[in-house]
Amino acid sequence: MANNYQQWSQTIALNKKKERAWWEKALRGADGDAESRLRSLGIEDEAPTEVEEAWESWPPLEWAILDDGTALWVHSSESGDLAVLAFLVQQFFRQFRKNGVFRLTWADTCDKPRVGEFSGGALHVDAKKTLWHTPEHFFDQIDNGIIT
């Protein structure tokens, strides 16, 4: 049997103590329900399904505050929920950095050389939008004549 992994690693600068406190509150154990936790973070948007589903095994990614306190390191050794991360980053930007930009690439890998089991993608998040790009999307653009 083959094991599949989704791996990624990125940092988010923490410019103020209140930014650090926000992320620590967001990512610590899931006390209560998702809606009340999000409200306590100042998030009024309805949580996407991914956040609700991830609540059972919160947090849905690996994270640490760097020793000097200047950045949040988010990463995945095996798998992590990028949709939840994208939602939280966008909410963070809406509260603290209206012009903030977060970019991340990921690798989908397999411990055996199985056809179709390797891929990856890119994620762009700002206060207004979240954009995803995958090889499948790239190939669709070629097939549809958007990229020649």
C-alpha atoms as a PDB file:
ATOM      1  CA  MET A   1       0.000   0.000   0.000  1.00  0.00           C
ATOM      2  CA  ALA A   2       1.274   3.460  -0.880  1.00  0.00           C
ATOM      3  CA  ASN A   3       1.224   6.470   1.431  1.00  0.00           C
ATOM      4  CA  ASN A   4       0.304   9.865   0.030  1.00  0.00           C
ATOM      5  CA  TYR A   5       1.472  13.170   1.503  1.00  0.00           C
ATOM      6  CA  GLN A   6       0.758  16.835   1.031  1.00  0.00           C
ATOM      7  CA  GLN A   7       3.712  18.887   2.174  1.00  0.00           C
ATOM      8  CA  TRP A   8       4.198  22.629   2.477  1.00  0.00           C
ATOM      9  CA  SER A   9       5.986  25.172   4.640  1.00  0.00           C
ATOM     10  CA  GLN A  10       5.670  28.955   4.920  1.00  0.00           C
ATOM     11  CA  THR A  11       5.893  31.797   7.417  1.00  0.00           C
ATOM     12  CA  ILE A  12       3.656  34.744   8.202  1.00  0.00           C
ATOM     13  CA  ALA A  13       5.385  37.791   9.690  1.00  0.00           C
ATOM     14  CA  LEU A  14       4.108  38.862  13.098  1.00  0.00           C
ATOM     15  CA  ASN A  15       4.572  42.597  13.496  1.00  0.00           C
ATOM     16  CA  LYS A  16       2.703  43.103  16.771  1.00  0.00           C
ATOM     17  CA  LYS A  17       1.997  41.168  19.953  1.00  0.00           C
ATOM     18  CA  LYS A  18      -1.729  41.252  19.199  1.00  0.00           C
ATOM     19  CA  GLU A  19      -1.076  39.479  15.874  1.00  0.00           C
ATOM     20  CA  ARG A  20       0.805  36.734  17.689  1.00  0.00           C
ATOM     21  CA  ALA A  21      -1.983  36.473  20.273  1.00  0.00           C
ATOM     22  CA  TRP A  22      -4.594  36.207  17.494  1.00  0.00           C
ATOM     23  CA  TRP A  23      -2.792  33.291  15.808  1.00  0.00           C
ATOM     24  CA  GLU A  24      -2.151  31.498  19.106  1.00  0.00           C
ATOM     25  CA  LYS A  25      -5.828  31.771  19.981  1.00  0.00           C
ATOM     26  CA  ALA A  26      -6.843  30.632  16.493  1.00  0.00           C
ATOM     27  CA  LEU A  27      -4.617  27.564  16.426  1.00  0.00           C
ATOM     28  CA  ARG A  28      -4.650  26.274  20.004  1.00  0.00           C
ATOM     29  CA  GLY A  29      -6.957  23.382  20.910  1.00  0.00           C
ATOM     30  CA  ALA A  30     -10.570  23.619  19.799  1.00  0.00           C
ATOM     31  CA  ASP A  31     -12.484  24.668  22.902  1.00  0.00           C
ATOM     32  CA  GLY A  32     -16.192  25.014  22.214  1.00  0.00           C
ATOM     33  CA  ASP A  33     -17.655  25.048  18.754  1.00  0.00           C
ATOM     34  CA  ALA A  34     -16.147  26.561  15.620  1.00  0.00           C
ATOM     35  CA  GLU A  35     -18.612  29.438  15.450  1.00  0.00           C
ATOM     36  CA  SER A  36     -17.951  30.701  18.992  1.00  0.00           C
ATOM     37  CA  ARG A  37     -14.172  30.353  18.544  1.00  0.00           C
ATOM     38  CA  LEU A  38     -14.271  32.346  15.315  1.00  0.00           C
ATOM     39  CA  ARG A  39     -16.429  35.046  16.900  1.00  0.00           C
ATOM     40  CA  SER A  40     -13.892  35.333  19.741  1.00  0.00           C
ATOM     41  CA  LEU A  41     -11.269  36.088  17.067  1.00  0.00           C
ATOM     42  CA  GLY A  42     -13.390  38.865  15.622  1.00  0.00           C
ATOM     43  CA  ILE A  43     -14.413  36.765  12.605  1.00  0.00           C
ATOM     44  CA  GLU A  44     -17.991  37.507  11.602  1.00  0.00           C
ATOM     45  CA  ASP A  45     -17.929  35.536   8.336  1.00  0.00           C
ATOM     46  CA  GLU A  46     -19.617  32.169   8.407  1.00  0.00           C
ATOM     47  CA  ALA A  47     -17.062  29.403   8.677  1.00  0.00           C
ATOM     48  CA  PRO A  48     -16.643  27.341   5.517  1.00  0.00           C
ATOM     49  CA  THR A  49     -17.441  23.647   5.674  1.00  0.00           C
ATOM     50  CA  GLU A  50     -13.717  22.813   5.853  1.00  0.00           C
ATOM     51  CA  VAL A  51     -13.378  24.694   9.159  1.00  0.00           C
ATOM     52  CA  GLU A  52     -16.422  22.964  10.635  1.00  0.00           C
ATOM     53  CA  GLU A  53     -15.167  19.539   9.532  1.00  0.00           C
ATOM     54  CA  ALA A  54     -11.623  20.192  10.780  1.00  0.00           C
ATOM     55  CA  TRP A  55     -12.851  21.127  14.256  1.00  0.00           C
ATOM     56  CA  GLU A  56     -12.707  17.534  15.507  1.00  0.00           C
ATOM     57  CA  SER A  57      -8.928  17.376  15.033  1.00  0.00           C
ATOM     58  CA  TRP A  58      -8.007  21.035  15.543  1.00  0.00           C
ATOM     59  CA  PRO A  59      -5.594  22.435  14.547  1.00  0.00           C
ATOM     60  CA  PRO A  60      -5.638  21.023  11.007  1.00  0.00           C
ATOM     61  CA  LEU A  61      -1.975  21.866  10.390  1.00  0.00           C
ATOM     62  CA  GLU A  62       1.363  22.041  12.148  1.00  0.00           C
ATOM     63  CA  TRP A  63       2.494  25.417  13.461  1.00  0.00           C
ATOM     64  CA  ALA A  64       4.948  27.206  15.723  1.00  0.00           C
ATOM     65  CA  ILE A  65       5.849  30.746  16.659  1.00  0.00           C
ATOM     66  CA  LEU A  66       9.525  31.277  15.789  1.00  0.00           C
ATOM     67  CA  ASP A  67      11.770  31.617  18.838  1.00  0.00           C
ATOM     68  CA  ASP A  68      12.276  35.337  18.301  1.00  0.00           C
ATOM     69  CA  GLY A  69       8.487  35.845  17.987  1.00  0.00           C
ATOM     70  CA  THR A  70       8.698  37.545  14.584  1.00  0.00           C
ATOM     71  CA  ALA A  71       6.820  34.965  12.526  1.00  0.00           C
ATOM     72  CA  LEU A  72       4.310  32.152  12.555  1.00  0.00           C
ATOM     73  CA  TRP A  73       5.600  29.025  10.834  1.00  0.00           C
ATOM     74  CA  VAL A  74       2.827  26.942   9.262  1.00  0.00           C
ATOM     75  CA  HIS A  75       3.702  23.610   7.722  1.00  0.00           C
ATOM     76  CA  SER A  76       2.683  20.084   6.964  1.00  0.00           C
ATOM     77  CA  SER A  77       4.869  17.008   7.342  1.00  0.00           C
ATOM     78  CA  GLU A  78       2.245  14.633   5.950  1.00  0.00           C
ATOM     79  CA  SER A  79      -1.009  16.471   5.393  1.00  0.00           C
ATOM     80  CA  GLY A  80      -2.725  19.642   6.453  1.00  0.00           C
ATOM     81  CA  ASP A  81      -5.853  21.536   5.576  1.00  0.00           C
ATOM     82  CA  LEU A  82      -4.901  24.332   3.204  1.00  0.00           C
ATOM     83  CA  ALA A  83      -8.514  25.506   2.864  1.00  0.00           C
ATOM     84  CA  VAL A  84      -8.668  26.181   6.598  1.00  0.00           C
ATOM     85  CA  LEU A  85      -5.282  27.912   6.496  1.00  0.00           C
ATOM     86  CA  ALA A  86      -6.423  30.089   3.571  1.00  0.00           C
ATOM     87  CA  PHE A  87      -9.588  31.065   5.469  1.00  0.00           C
ATOM     88  CA  LEU A  88      -7.652  31.988   8.624  1.00  0.00           C
ATOM     89  CA  VAL A  89      -4.992  33.933   6.706  1.00  0.00           C
ATOM     90  CA  GLN A  90      -7.680  35.908   4.891  1.00  0.00           C
ATOM     91  CA  GLN A  91      -9.446  36.713   8.160  1.00  0.00           C
ATOM     92  CA  PHE A  92      -6.114  37.738   9.701  1.00  0.00           C
ATOM     93  CA  PHE A  93      -5.429  40.092   6.799  1.00  0.00           C
ATOM     94  CA  ARG A  94      -8.908  41.609   7.023  1.00  0.00           C
ATOM     95  CA  GLN A  95      -8.255  42.502  10.656  1.00  0.00           C
ATOM     96  CA  PHE A  96      -4.567  43.386  10.659  1.00  0.00           C
ATOM     97  CA  ARG A  97      -3.226  43.906   7.104  1.00  0.00           C
ATOM     98  CA  LYS A  98      -5.646  45.091   4.459  1.00  0.00           C
ATOM     99  CA  ASN A  99      -2.811  44.935   1.870  1.00  0.00           C
ATOM    100  CA  GLY A 100      -1.231  41.698   3.105  1.00  0.00           C
ATOM    101  CA  VAL A 101      -0.343  38.899   0.698  1.00  0.00           C
ATOM    102  CA  PHE A 102       0.342  35.254   1.546  1.00  0.00           C
ATOM    103  CA  ARG A 103       1.702  32.824  -1.011  1.00  0.00           C
ATOM    104  CA  LEU A 104       2.428  29.157  -0.594  1.00  0.00           C
ATOM    105  CA  THR A 105       3.282  26.227  -2.834  1.00  0.00           C
ATOM    106  CA  TRP A 106       2.668  22.613  -1.917  1.00  0.00           C
ATOM    107  CA  ALA A 107       3.745  19.197  -3.111  1.00  0.00           C
ATOM    108  CA  ASP A 108       1.506  16.152  -3.326  1.00  0.00           C
ATOM    109  CA  THR A 109       3.785  13.130  -3.125  1.00  0.00           C
ATOM    110  CA  CYS A 110       3.667   9.389  -2.714  1.00  0.00           C
ATOM    111  CA  ASP A 111       6.211   7.028  -1.141  1.00  0.00           C
ATOM    112  CA  LYS A 112       5.928   4.730  -4.173  1.00  0.00           C
ATOM    113  CA  PRO A 113       6.301   5.793  -7.821  1.00  0.00           C
ATOM    114  CA  ARG A 114       2.597   5.470  -8.674  1.00  0.00           C
ATOM    115  CA  VAL A 115       1.285   7.091 -11.844  1.00  0.00           C
ATOM    116  CA  GLY A 116      -0.944  10.081 -11.093  1.00  0.00           C
ATOM    117  CA  GLU A 117       0.027  10.332  -7.442  1.00  0.00           C
ATOM    118  CA  PHE A 118       2.379  13.322  -7.770  1.00  0.00           C
ATOM    119  CA  SER A 119       1.194  16.875  -8.122  1.00  0.00           C
ATOM    120  CA  GLY A 120       1.123  20.132  -6.227  1.00  0.00           C
ATOM    121  CA  GLY A 121      -0.050  23.650  -6.542  1.00  0.00           C
ATOM    122  CA  ALA A 122       0.060  27.255  -5.464  1.00  0.00           C
ATOM    123  CA  LEU A 123      -2.108  29.334  -3.168  1.00  0.00           C
ATOM    124  CA  HIS A 124      -2.463  33.132  -3.078  1.00  0.00           C
ATOM    125  CA  VAL A 125      -4.416  34.815  -0.268  1.00  0.00           C
ATOM    126  CA  ASP A 126      -5.125  38.466   0.400  1.00  0.00           C
ATOM    127  CA  ALA A 127      -7.905  40.277   2.261  1.00  0.00           C
ATOM    128  CA  LYS A 128     -10.241  40.136  -0.745  1.00  0.00           C
ATOM    129  CA  LYS A 129      -9.569  36.864  -2.529  1.00  0.00           C
ATOM    130  CA  THR A 130      -8.136  33.380  -2.391  1.00  0.00           C
ATOM    131  CA  LEU A 131      -6.709  31.918  -5.598  1.00  0.00           C
ATOM    132  CA  TRP A 132      -5.678  28.293  -6.174  1.00  0.00           C
ATOM    133  CA  HIS A 133      -3.555  27.006  -9.025  1.00  0.00           C
ATOM    134  CA  THR A 134      -2.879  23.342  -9.749  1.00  0.00           C
ATOM    135  CA  PRO A 135      -1.246  21.468 -12.633  1.00  0.00           C
ATOM    136  CA  GLU A 136      -4.716  20.214 -13.590  1.00  0.00           C
ATOM    137  CA  HIS A 137      -5.870  23.834 -13.931  1.00  0.00           C
ATOM    138  CA  PHE A 138      -2.808  24.588 -16.050  1.00  0.00           C
ATOM    139  CA  PHE A 139      -3.532  21.625 -18.349  1.00  0.00           C
ATOM    140  CA  ASP A 140      -7.204  22.655 -18.636  1.00  0.00           C
ATOM    141  CA  GLN A 141      -6.080  26.116 -19.786  1.00  0.00           C
ATOM    142  CA  ILE A 142      -3.874  24.534 -22.458  1.00  0.00           C
ATOM    143  CA  ASP A 143      -6.694  22.222 -23.582  1.00  0.00           C
ATOM    144  CA  ASN A 144      -9.102  25.172 -23.811  1.00  0.00           C
ATOM    145  CA  GLY A 145      -6.672  27.328 -25.803  1.00  0.00           C
ATOM    146  CA  ILE A 146      -6.247  29.882 -23.009  1.00  0.00           C
ATOM    147  CA  ILE A 147      -2.512  29.138 -22.909  1.00  0.00           C
ATOM    148  CA  THR A 148      -0.815  28.359 -26.199  1.00  0.00           C
END
